[in-house]
N, C-alpha and C. Protein backbone atom coordinates (compact mmCIF):
# COMPACT_ATOMS: atom_id res chain seq x y z
N MET A 1 20.87 21.00 9.78
CA MET A 1 20.08 20.73 8.61
C MET A 1 20.67 21.55 7.47
N LYS A 2 20.80 20.95 6.33
CA LYS A 2 21.39 21.63 5.19
C LYS A 2 20.42 21.60 4.03
N HIS A 3 20.20 22.75 3.42
CA HIS A 3 19.33 22.85 2.25
C HIS A 3 20.18 23.36 1.10
N THR A 4 20.10 22.70 -0.03
CA THR A 4 20.80 23.16 -1.21
C THR A 4 19.78 23.32 -2.31
N TRP A 5 19.77 24.46 -2.97
CA TRP A 5 18.81 24.70 -4.02
C TRP A 5 19.46 25.56 -5.07
N LYS A 6 19.58 25.07 -6.25
CA LYS A 6 20.13 25.83 -7.38
C LYS A 6 19.23 25.61 -8.57
N LYS A 7 19.18 26.60 -9.42
CA LYS A 7 18.40 26.47 -10.64
C LYS A 7 19.21 27.10 -11.76
N ILE A 8 19.39 26.38 -12.85
CA ILE A 8 20.12 26.89 -13.99
C ILE A 8 19.23 26.74 -15.20
N LEU A 9 19.07 27.80 -15.95
CA LEU A 9 18.34 27.73 -17.20
C LEU A 9 19.33 27.86 -18.34
N THR A 10 19.24 26.97 -19.27
CA THR A 10 20.11 27.00 -20.43
C THR A 10 19.25 27.28 -21.64
N THR A 11 19.65 28.25 -22.45
CA THR A 11 18.87 28.57 -23.63
C THR A 11 19.64 28.22 -24.87
N GLY A 12 18.98 28.12 -25.97
CA GLY A 12 19.59 27.77 -27.24
C GLY A 12 18.59 27.00 -28.05
N THR A 13 19.05 25.97 -28.73
CA THR A 13 18.13 25.19 -29.56
C THR A 13 17.14 24.41 -28.70
N LEU A 14 17.51 24.11 -27.47
CA LEU A 14 16.63 23.39 -26.56
C LEU A 14 16.79 23.98 -25.17
N ALA A 15 15.72 24.36 -24.56
CA ALA A 15 15.80 24.88 -23.20
C ALA A 15 16.02 23.71 -22.25
N ALA A 16 16.94 23.88 -21.34
CA ALA A 16 17.22 22.83 -20.36
C ALA A 16 17.26 23.47 -18.99
N ALA A 17 16.83 22.75 -18.01
CA ALA A 17 16.83 23.27 -16.66
C ALA A 17 17.30 22.19 -15.70
N LEU A 18 17.87 22.64 -14.62
CA LEU A 18 18.32 21.75 -13.56
C LEU A 18 17.77 22.24 -12.24
N SER A 19 17.59 21.36 -11.34
CA SER A 19 17.24 21.76 -9.99
C SER A 19 17.93 20.81 -9.03
N ALA A 20 18.69 21.38 -8.12
CA ALA A 20 19.42 20.57 -7.15
C ALA A 20 18.49 20.20 -6.02
N VAL A 21 18.98 19.32 -5.24
CA VAL A 21 18.21 18.66 -4.22
C VAL A 21 18.15 19.42 -2.91
N LEU A 22 17.19 19.09 -2.15
CA LEU A 22 17.18 19.45 -0.74
C LEU A 22 17.90 18.29 -0.06
N VAL A 23 18.94 18.57 0.70
CA VAL A 23 19.72 17.51 1.32
C VAL A 23 19.62 17.66 2.83
N MET A 24 19.26 16.58 3.50
CA MET A 24 19.21 16.62 4.95
C MET A 24 19.22 15.21 5.51
N PRO A 25 19.72 15.08 6.73
CA PRO A 25 19.58 13.78 7.38
C PRO A 25 18.11 13.52 7.69
N ALA A 26 17.73 12.28 7.74
CA ALA A 26 16.34 11.92 7.99
C ALA A 26 15.85 12.48 9.31
N SER A 27 16.71 12.50 10.31
CA SER A 27 16.31 12.99 11.62
C SER A 27 15.96 14.47 11.62
N ALA A 28 16.43 15.21 10.60
CA ALA A 28 16.17 16.64 10.53
C ALA A 28 14.99 16.97 9.62
N ALA A 29 14.39 15.96 8.98
CA ALA A 29 13.30 16.23 8.05
C ALA A 29 12.11 16.79 8.80
N PRO A 30 11.64 17.98 8.43
CA PRO A 30 10.52 18.58 9.14
C PRO A 30 9.21 17.95 8.74
N ALA A 31 8.22 18.15 9.57
CA ALA A 31 6.89 17.63 9.29
C ALA A 31 6.07 18.66 8.51
N THR A 32 6.66 19.79 8.16
CA THR A 32 5.93 20.85 7.47
C THR A 32 5.98 20.67 5.97
N ASP A 33 5.11 21.43 5.29
CA ASP A 33 5.06 21.42 3.82
C ASP A 33 6.21 22.24 3.27
N TRP A 34 6.94 21.67 2.31
CA TRP A 34 8.10 22.33 1.72
C TRP A 34 7.74 23.34 0.65
N SER A 35 6.54 23.29 0.12
CA SER A 35 6.23 24.09 -1.06
C SER A 35 6.43 25.58 -0.84
N SER A 36 6.02 26.13 0.30
CA SER A 36 6.20 27.57 0.53
C SER A 36 7.67 27.91 0.69
N TYR A 37 8.42 27.04 1.35
CA TYR A 37 9.86 27.28 1.51
C TYR A 37 10.57 27.27 0.16
N ILE A 38 10.25 26.30 -0.67
CA ILE A 38 10.87 26.18 -1.98
C ILE A 38 10.49 27.37 -2.86
N GLN A 39 9.20 27.76 -2.82
CA GLN A 39 8.77 28.90 -3.62
C GLN A 39 9.51 30.16 -3.21
N GLN A 40 9.71 30.35 -1.90
CA GLN A 40 10.46 31.50 -1.40
C GLN A 40 11.89 31.47 -1.92
N LEU A 41 12.53 30.30 -1.90
CA LEU A 41 13.89 30.18 -2.43
C LEU A 41 13.93 30.50 -3.91
N LEU A 42 12.95 30.00 -4.65
CA LEU A 42 12.91 30.28 -6.09
C LEU A 42 12.75 31.77 -6.35
N ASN A 43 11.89 32.41 -5.59
CA ASN A 43 11.66 33.83 -5.78
C ASN A 43 12.89 34.66 -5.45
N ASN A 44 13.70 34.19 -4.49
CA ASN A 44 14.89 34.93 -4.08
C ASN A 44 16.14 34.52 -4.83
N ASN A 45 16.05 33.44 -5.60
CA ASN A 45 17.22 32.91 -6.29
C ASN A 45 17.48 33.67 -7.58
N ASN A 46 18.72 34.04 -7.82
CA ASN A 46 19.09 34.66 -9.09
C ASN A 46 19.41 33.56 -10.07
N ASP A 47 18.61 33.45 -11.12
CA ASP A 47 18.86 32.43 -12.15
C ASP A 47 20.14 32.75 -12.88
N GLN A 48 20.88 31.70 -13.21
CA GLN A 48 22.07 31.84 -14.03
C GLN A 48 21.66 31.42 -15.42
N THR A 49 22.02 32.20 -16.41
CA THR A 49 21.65 31.88 -17.77
C THR A 49 22.91 31.77 -18.61
N THR A 50 22.97 30.72 -19.40
CA THR A 50 24.08 30.54 -20.32
C THR A 50 23.51 30.24 -21.69
N SER A 51 24.30 30.41 -22.70
CA SER A 51 23.86 30.11 -24.05
C SER A 51 24.58 28.90 -24.58
N LYS A 52 23.87 28.09 -25.33
CA LYS A 52 24.45 26.95 -26.01
C LYS A 52 24.59 27.31 -27.47
N PRO A 53 25.58 26.75 -28.14
CA PRO A 53 25.71 27.02 -29.57
C PRO A 53 24.49 26.51 -30.32
N GLU A 54 24.15 27.20 -31.38
CA GLU A 54 22.99 26.82 -32.19
C GLU A 54 23.25 25.54 -32.98
N ALA A 55 24.47 25.37 -33.47
CA ALA A 55 24.79 24.21 -34.31
C ALA A 55 24.92 22.98 -33.45
N SER A 56 24.35 21.88 -33.90
CA SER A 56 24.51 20.62 -33.18
C SER A 56 25.63 19.83 -33.84
N PRO A 57 26.41 19.08 -33.05
CA PRO A 57 27.51 18.32 -33.64
C PRO A 57 26.99 17.24 -34.57
N GLN A 58 27.71 16.98 -35.63
CA GLN A 58 27.34 15.95 -36.59
C GLN A 58 28.01 14.64 -36.19
N PRO A 59 27.33 13.51 -36.40
CA PRO A 59 27.94 12.22 -36.10
C PRO A 59 29.18 12.01 -36.96
N ALA A 60 30.13 11.29 -36.40
CA ALA A 60 31.37 11.02 -37.13
C ALA A 60 31.10 10.07 -38.29
N SER A 61 31.76 10.32 -39.38
CA SER A 61 31.58 9.47 -40.56
C SER A 61 32.65 8.38 -40.55
N ASN A 62 32.26 7.19 -40.91
CA ASN A 62 33.20 6.09 -40.99
C ASN A 62 33.83 6.12 -42.38
N ALA A 63 35.12 6.45 -42.45
CA ALA A 63 35.80 6.64 -43.74
C ALA A 63 35.81 5.37 -44.59
N ASN A 64 35.83 4.20 -43.96
CA ASN A 64 35.92 2.95 -44.71
C ASN A 64 34.61 2.58 -45.40
N THR A 65 33.47 2.88 -44.75
CA THR A 65 32.20 2.43 -45.29
C THR A 65 31.31 3.57 -45.76
N GLY A 66 31.65 4.79 -45.37
CA GLY A 66 30.80 5.92 -45.72
C GLY A 66 29.55 6.01 -44.85
N THR A 67 29.43 5.13 -43.84
CA THR A 67 28.27 5.16 -42.96
C THR A 67 28.52 6.11 -41.80
N THR A 68 27.48 6.42 -41.11
CA THR A 68 27.58 7.31 -39.96
C THR A 68 27.68 6.47 -38.69
N ALA A 69 28.60 6.88 -37.81
CA ALA A 69 28.75 6.17 -36.53
C ALA A 69 27.49 6.36 -35.70
N PRO A 70 27.09 5.37 -34.91
CA PRO A 70 25.90 5.51 -34.08
C PRO A 70 26.11 6.57 -33.01
N LYS A 71 25.04 7.27 -32.68
CA LYS A 71 25.11 8.28 -31.63
C LYS A 71 25.16 7.57 -30.28
N LEU A 72 25.88 8.17 -29.35
CA LEU A 72 25.90 7.64 -28.00
C LEU A 72 24.52 7.79 -27.38
N ALA A 73 24.14 6.85 -26.55
CA ALA A 73 22.91 6.89 -25.78
C ALA A 73 21.66 7.04 -26.65
N ALA A 74 21.66 6.46 -27.84
CA ALA A 74 20.52 6.57 -28.73
C ALA A 74 19.33 5.76 -28.20
N ASP A 75 19.58 4.70 -27.45
CA ASP A 75 18.53 3.85 -26.92
C ASP A 75 18.08 4.41 -25.57
N LYS A 76 16.92 5.06 -25.55
CA LYS A 76 16.43 5.71 -24.34
C LYS A 76 16.14 4.72 -23.21
N SER A 77 15.92 3.45 -23.55
CA SER A 77 15.67 2.47 -22.51
C SER A 77 16.92 2.24 -21.65
N GLN A 78 18.07 2.63 -22.15
CA GLN A 78 19.32 2.46 -21.40
C GLN A 78 19.77 3.75 -20.70
N PHE A 79 19.00 4.83 -20.83
CA PHE A 79 19.41 6.11 -20.26
C PHE A 79 19.71 6.03 -18.77
N THR A 80 18.84 5.39 -18.00
CA THR A 80 19.03 5.39 -16.55
C THR A 80 20.26 4.58 -16.15
N ALA A 81 20.48 3.46 -16.80
CA ALA A 81 21.68 2.66 -16.50
C ALA A 81 22.94 3.46 -16.85
N GLN A 82 22.89 4.21 -17.94
CA GLN A 82 24.03 5.03 -18.33
C GLN A 82 24.27 6.16 -17.33
N VAL A 83 23.21 6.77 -16.84
CA VAL A 83 23.36 7.83 -15.83
C VAL A 83 24.03 7.27 -14.58
N ILE A 84 23.59 6.12 -14.13
CA ILE A 84 24.18 5.51 -12.93
C ILE A 84 25.64 5.17 -13.17
N ALA A 85 25.96 4.64 -14.33
CA ALA A 85 27.35 4.33 -14.67
C ALA A 85 28.20 5.61 -14.68
N LEU A 86 27.66 6.69 -15.21
CA LEU A 86 28.39 7.97 -15.24
C LEU A 86 28.57 8.55 -13.84
N VAL A 87 27.57 8.39 -12.98
CA VAL A 87 27.71 8.82 -11.58
C VAL A 87 28.87 8.08 -10.93
N ASN A 88 28.89 6.76 -11.11
CA ASN A 88 29.95 5.96 -10.48
C ASN A 88 31.33 6.25 -11.08
N LYS A 89 31.37 6.60 -12.34
CA LYS A 89 32.64 6.99 -12.96
C LYS A 89 33.18 8.26 -12.29
N GLU A 90 32.30 9.24 -12.06
CA GLU A 90 32.72 10.48 -11.40
C GLU A 90 33.13 10.22 -9.95
N ARG A 91 32.38 9.39 -9.26
CA ARG A 91 32.71 9.07 -7.86
C ARG A 91 34.06 8.34 -7.79
N SER A 92 34.31 7.44 -8.73
CA SER A 92 35.57 6.69 -8.76
C SER A 92 36.76 7.62 -8.94
N LYS A 93 36.61 8.63 -9.82
CA LYS A 93 37.69 9.60 -10.04
C LYS A 93 38.07 10.31 -8.75
N ALA A 94 37.10 10.48 -7.86
CA ALA A 94 37.33 11.18 -6.60
C ALA A 94 37.67 10.22 -5.46
N GLY A 95 37.82 8.94 -5.77
CA GLY A 95 38.14 7.96 -4.74
C GLY A 95 36.97 7.59 -3.85
N LEU A 96 35.75 7.84 -4.32
CA LEU A 96 34.55 7.51 -3.54
C LEU A 96 34.03 6.14 -3.94
N LYS A 97 33.34 5.50 -3.00
CA LYS A 97 32.71 4.22 -3.29
C LYS A 97 31.56 4.43 -4.27
N PRO A 98 31.28 3.44 -5.10
CA PRO A 98 30.15 3.57 -6.03
C PRO A 98 28.83 3.50 -5.27
N VAL A 99 27.80 4.08 -5.88
CA VAL A 99 26.44 3.93 -5.37
C VAL A 99 25.81 2.76 -6.12
N THR A 100 24.92 2.06 -5.45
CA THR A 100 24.27 0.88 -6.02
C THR A 100 22.86 1.22 -6.46
N ASN A 101 22.51 0.74 -7.64
CA ASN A 101 21.15 0.93 -8.14
C ASN A 101 20.17 0.22 -7.20
N HIS A 102 19.18 0.95 -6.75
CA HIS A 102 18.17 0.44 -5.83
C HIS A 102 16.83 0.40 -6.56
N THR A 103 16.21 -0.76 -6.60
CA THR A 103 15.00 -0.96 -7.39
C THR A 103 13.90 0.04 -7.03
N ASN A 104 13.58 0.19 -5.75
CA ASN A 104 12.50 1.11 -5.36
C ASN A 104 12.86 2.56 -5.63
N LEU A 105 14.14 2.92 -5.44
CA LEU A 105 14.56 4.29 -5.76
C LEU A 105 14.43 4.56 -7.25
N SER A 106 14.75 3.57 -8.08
CA SER A 106 14.62 3.74 -9.52
C SER A 106 13.15 3.83 -9.93
N LYS A 107 12.29 3.04 -9.28
CA LYS A 107 10.85 3.15 -9.54
C LYS A 107 10.36 4.55 -9.17
N MET A 108 10.82 5.03 -8.03
CA MET A 108 10.42 6.37 -7.58
C MET A 108 10.94 7.44 -8.54
N ALA A 109 12.20 7.32 -8.96
CA ALA A 109 12.80 8.30 -9.86
C ALA A 109 12.03 8.35 -11.19
N LEU A 110 11.67 7.20 -11.72
CA LEU A 110 10.89 7.16 -12.95
C LEU A 110 9.52 7.79 -12.73
N GLU A 111 8.89 7.47 -11.62
CA GLU A 111 7.58 8.05 -11.33
C GLU A 111 7.67 9.56 -11.15
N LYS A 112 8.76 10.05 -10.55
CA LYS A 112 8.96 11.50 -10.41
C LYS A 112 9.05 12.16 -11.78
N ALA A 113 9.84 11.57 -12.70
CA ALA A 113 9.97 12.12 -14.05
C ALA A 113 8.62 12.10 -14.77
N LYS A 114 7.89 11.00 -14.66
CA LYS A 114 6.57 10.91 -15.29
C LYS A 114 5.60 11.92 -14.69
N ASP A 115 5.66 12.10 -13.37
CA ASP A 115 4.77 13.03 -12.68
C ASP A 115 5.04 14.47 -13.13
N MET A 116 6.32 14.84 -13.27
CA MET A 116 6.64 16.20 -13.75
C MET A 116 6.10 16.40 -15.16
N ASN A 117 6.25 15.39 -16.01
CA ASN A 117 5.74 15.48 -17.38
C ASN A 117 4.21 15.57 -17.39
N LYS A 118 3.56 14.67 -16.70
CA LYS A 118 2.10 14.60 -16.70
C LYS A 118 1.46 15.86 -16.13
N ASN A 119 2.03 16.38 -15.05
CA ASN A 119 1.45 17.53 -14.37
C ASN A 119 2.11 18.86 -14.76
N ASN A 120 2.99 18.81 -15.75
CA ASN A 120 3.59 20.02 -16.32
C ASN A 120 4.22 20.93 -15.25
N TYR A 121 5.13 20.36 -14.46
CA TYR A 121 5.84 21.17 -13.47
C TYR A 121 7.30 20.74 -13.46
N PHE A 122 8.13 21.59 -12.86
CA PHE A 122 9.54 21.28 -12.68
C PHE A 122 9.91 21.76 -11.29
N SER A 123 9.87 20.85 -10.34
CA SER A 123 10.08 21.22 -8.94
C SER A 123 10.34 19.95 -8.13
N HIS A 124 10.98 20.14 -6.99
CA HIS A 124 11.15 19.02 -6.07
C HIS A 124 9.83 18.69 -5.37
N THR A 125 8.93 19.64 -5.30
CA THR A 125 7.65 19.40 -4.66
C THR A 125 6.62 19.01 -5.70
N SER A 126 6.17 17.78 -5.61
CA SER A 126 5.19 17.24 -6.53
C SER A 126 3.78 17.55 -6.05
N PRO A 127 2.89 17.95 -6.97
CA PRO A 127 1.49 18.14 -6.56
C PRO A 127 0.82 16.81 -6.20
N THR A 128 1.42 15.72 -6.63
CA THR A 128 0.88 14.38 -6.36
C THR A 128 1.47 13.76 -5.10
N TYR A 129 2.80 13.88 -4.93
CA TYR A 129 3.49 13.15 -3.87
C TYR A 129 4.07 14.02 -2.77
N GLY A 130 4.14 15.33 -2.95
CA GLY A 130 4.76 16.21 -1.97
C GLY A 130 6.26 16.31 -2.18
N SER A 131 7.01 16.46 -1.10
CA SER A 131 8.46 16.61 -1.17
C SER A 131 9.11 15.29 -1.57
N PRO A 132 10.41 15.32 -1.95
CA PRO A 132 11.09 14.06 -2.24
C PRO A 132 11.07 13.10 -1.05
N PHE A 133 11.11 13.66 0.15
CA PHE A 133 11.12 12.84 1.36
C PHE A 133 9.75 12.20 1.59
N ASP A 134 8.68 12.96 1.31
CA ASP A 134 7.33 12.39 1.38
C ASP A 134 7.19 11.27 0.37
N MET A 135 7.72 11.50 -0.82
CA MET A 135 7.62 10.51 -1.90
C MET A 135 8.39 9.24 -1.54
N MET A 136 9.57 9.41 -0.94
CA MET A 136 10.35 8.24 -0.52
C MET A 136 9.56 7.42 0.49
N LYS A 137 8.92 8.10 1.42
CA LYS A 137 8.11 7.42 2.43
C LYS A 137 6.98 6.63 1.76
N LYS A 138 6.32 7.24 0.76
CA LYS A 138 5.23 6.57 0.06
C LYS A 138 5.71 5.36 -0.73
N PHE A 139 6.98 5.37 -1.13
CA PHE A 139 7.56 4.24 -1.86
C PHE A 139 8.25 3.25 -0.92
N GLY A 140 8.11 3.44 0.38
CA GLY A 140 8.68 2.51 1.35
C GLY A 140 10.19 2.56 1.46
N ILE A 141 10.77 3.73 1.20
CA ILE A 141 12.23 3.88 1.21
C ILE A 141 12.65 4.57 2.50
N SER A 142 13.50 3.89 3.26
CA SER A 142 14.03 4.48 4.50
C SER A 142 15.44 5.00 4.23
N TYR A 143 15.88 5.95 5.04
CA TYR A 143 17.18 6.57 4.81
C TYR A 143 17.65 7.30 6.07
N SER A 144 18.95 7.51 6.13
CA SER A 144 19.54 8.43 7.11
C SER A 144 19.88 9.75 6.43
N TYR A 145 20.25 9.66 5.16
CA TYR A 145 20.52 10.84 4.32
C TYR A 145 19.77 10.64 3.02
N ALA A 146 19.29 11.73 2.45
CA ALA A 146 18.56 11.60 1.18
C ALA A 146 18.71 12.88 0.37
N GLY A 147 18.64 12.71 -0.95
CA GLY A 147 18.72 13.86 -1.83
C GLY A 147 18.14 13.54 -3.19
N GLU A 148 17.88 14.59 -3.95
CA GLU A 148 17.29 14.44 -5.28
C GLU A 148 17.90 15.47 -6.22
N ASN A 149 18.22 15.05 -7.43
CA ASN A 149 18.57 15.95 -8.52
C ASN A 149 17.52 15.77 -9.60
N ILE A 150 17.06 16.88 -10.17
CA ILE A 150 16.14 16.80 -11.31
C ILE A 150 16.67 17.69 -12.43
N ALA A 151 16.27 17.38 -13.63
CA ALA A 151 16.65 18.18 -14.79
C ALA A 151 15.61 17.97 -15.87
N MET A 152 15.58 18.89 -16.84
CA MET A 152 14.70 18.68 -17.98
C MET A 152 15.32 19.29 -19.23
N GLY A 153 15.07 18.62 -20.34
CA GLY A 153 15.47 19.13 -21.63
C GLY A 153 16.76 18.55 -22.19
N GLN A 154 17.59 17.97 -21.36
CA GLN A 154 18.84 17.39 -21.88
C GLN A 154 18.50 16.17 -22.74
N GLN A 155 19.30 15.98 -23.78
CA GLN A 155 19.01 14.94 -24.77
C GLN A 155 19.61 13.58 -24.44
N THR A 156 20.71 13.54 -23.69
CA THR A 156 21.42 12.29 -23.44
C THR A 156 21.89 12.22 -21.98
N PRO A 157 22.22 11.02 -21.51
CA PRO A 157 22.80 10.89 -20.19
C PRO A 157 24.09 11.70 -20.05
N GLU A 158 24.89 11.73 -21.09
CA GLU A 158 26.15 12.49 -21.05
C GLU A 158 25.88 13.98 -20.85
N GLU A 159 24.88 14.48 -21.54
CA GLU A 159 24.55 15.91 -21.42
C GLU A 159 24.01 16.25 -20.04
N VAL A 160 23.09 15.44 -19.52
CA VAL A 160 22.53 15.75 -18.21
C VAL A 160 23.60 15.61 -17.12
N MET A 161 24.47 14.61 -17.24
CA MET A 161 25.53 14.47 -16.24
C MET A 161 26.52 15.62 -16.31
N LYS A 162 26.84 16.07 -17.50
CA LYS A 162 27.74 17.22 -17.64
C LYS A 162 27.12 18.45 -16.96
N ASP A 163 25.84 18.68 -17.19
CA ASP A 163 25.16 19.82 -16.56
C ASP A 163 25.12 19.67 -15.04
N TRP A 164 24.79 18.48 -14.56
CA TRP A 164 24.77 18.27 -13.11
C TRP A 164 26.16 18.44 -12.50
N MET A 165 27.18 17.92 -13.15
CA MET A 165 28.53 18.03 -12.60
C MET A 165 29.06 19.47 -12.65
N ASN A 166 28.53 20.29 -13.54
CA ASN A 166 28.94 21.69 -13.62
C ASN A 166 28.14 22.60 -12.69
N SER A 167 27.23 22.04 -11.95
CA SER A 167 26.42 22.78 -10.98
C SER A 167 26.83 22.34 -9.58
N PRO A 168 27.31 23.27 -8.74
CA PRO A 168 27.82 22.88 -7.42
C PRO A 168 26.84 22.07 -6.57
N GLY A 169 25.57 22.44 -6.55
CA GLY A 169 24.60 21.71 -5.74
C GLY A 169 24.36 20.30 -6.22
N HIS A 170 24.28 20.14 -7.53
CA HIS A 170 24.07 18.80 -8.09
C HIS A 170 25.31 17.94 -7.91
N ARG A 171 26.46 18.54 -8.18
CA ARG A 171 27.73 17.84 -8.01
C ARG A 171 27.87 17.35 -6.56
N GLU A 172 27.47 18.20 -5.63
CA GLU A 172 27.56 17.83 -4.20
C GLU A 172 26.75 16.57 -3.91
N ASN A 173 25.58 16.45 -4.52
CA ASN A 173 24.78 15.23 -4.32
C ASN A 173 25.45 14.02 -4.94
N ILE A 174 25.92 14.18 -6.17
CA ILE A 174 26.55 13.06 -6.88
C ILE A 174 27.79 12.57 -6.13
N MET A 175 28.52 13.50 -5.52
CA MET A 175 29.79 13.17 -4.87
C MET A 175 29.65 13.00 -3.36
N ASN A 176 28.44 12.98 -2.84
CA ASN A 176 28.24 12.88 -1.39
C ASN A 176 28.63 11.48 -0.89
N PRO A 177 29.64 11.40 -0.02
CA PRO A 177 30.08 10.08 0.46
C PRO A 177 29.06 9.39 1.37
N ASN A 178 28.05 10.13 1.87
CA ASN A 178 27.02 9.52 2.70
C ASN A 178 26.03 8.69 1.90
N TYR A 179 25.96 8.93 0.59
CA TYR A 179 25.01 8.20 -0.24
C TYR A 179 25.60 6.87 -0.68
N THR A 180 24.80 5.83 -0.54
CA THR A 180 25.21 4.48 -0.94
C THR A 180 24.30 3.88 -2.01
N LEU A 181 23.10 4.41 -2.14
CA LEU A 181 22.12 3.88 -3.08
C LEU A 181 21.63 4.99 -4.00
N ILE A 182 21.29 4.61 -5.23
CA ILE A 182 20.80 5.57 -6.23
C ILE A 182 19.63 4.97 -6.98
N GLY A 183 18.76 5.84 -7.44
CA GLY A 183 17.74 5.50 -8.41
C GLY A 183 17.76 6.58 -9.47
N ALA A 184 17.59 6.21 -10.71
CA ALA A 184 17.57 7.19 -11.79
C ALA A 184 16.33 6.98 -12.63
N GLY A 185 15.77 8.09 -13.10
CA GLY A 185 14.59 8.03 -13.94
C GLY A 185 14.69 8.99 -15.10
N TYR A 186 14.12 8.59 -16.22
CA TYR A 186 14.04 9.45 -17.40
C TYR A 186 12.68 9.22 -18.04
N TYR A 187 12.00 10.33 -18.38
CA TYR A 187 10.74 10.20 -19.11
C TYR A 187 10.49 11.48 -19.90
N ASN A 188 10.44 11.36 -21.21
CA ASN A 188 10.03 12.44 -22.10
C ASN A 188 10.76 13.77 -21.81
N GLY A 189 12.07 13.70 -21.62
CA GLY A 189 12.85 14.91 -21.41
C GLY A 189 13.04 15.31 -19.96
N TYR A 190 12.41 14.59 -19.02
CA TYR A 190 12.56 14.87 -17.59
C TYR A 190 13.49 13.82 -16.98
N TRP A 191 14.41 14.28 -16.15
CA TRP A 191 15.41 13.42 -15.51
C TRP A 191 15.28 13.53 -14.00
N SER A 192 15.54 12.43 -13.32
CA SER A 192 15.53 12.44 -11.86
C SER A 192 16.59 11.49 -11.33
N GLN A 193 17.30 11.95 -10.32
CA GLN A 193 18.22 11.09 -9.56
C GLN A 193 17.76 11.14 -8.11
N GLU A 194 17.64 9.98 -7.49
CA GLU A 194 17.31 9.88 -6.08
C GLU A 194 18.49 9.21 -5.37
N PHE A 195 18.91 9.79 -4.27
CA PHE A 195 20.04 9.25 -3.50
C PHE A 195 19.61 9.00 -2.08
N VAL A 196 20.10 7.92 -1.48
CA VAL A 196 19.95 7.72 -0.04
C VAL A 196 21.21 7.11 0.54
N GLY A 197 21.37 7.35 1.80
CA GLY A 197 22.39 6.69 2.61
C GLY A 197 21.69 6.13 3.83
N LYS A 198 22.05 4.93 4.21
CA LYS A 198 21.38 4.28 5.35
C LYS A 198 22.29 4.19 6.53
């Protein structure tokens, strides 16, 4: 059984946080409550803190028209599709097969992001649904391998993917060859990636 847990706090103009997944084969998933185990890990974990520059980049100006170029990922309705595309871009660079968007995993990922926002928490253990594995079960999702990445505060898919790829635990989930399906969710600054392999 393998457990991965990392937490990174980023300070600056916007606080951002990441939390890597608990990764385990389905056969190793315990019947116990994860909340005390996760809290113990959080209490023993040394947070890494980095600073972001205060100045935000300005959009490029179009010299011919004097207009401003559109910002990437400005349409939040496309955030999850962009995250999945960026995951597959990273996997492709490493010679890995792409993961496929799974409807129920995406519904679950969105619900996870909404639940964190509504209940004002940032954790893999939901006060509503329990662990990610409990939540998958409630959404009718079966798996042999499963994992979750969560983040909050990032403004764009590019930013959250950069942060996840720069974190060993998150990167491990994104690049895990056992995963074949993905769901992504975004809601009001909360991000969630759900992975399974069957």
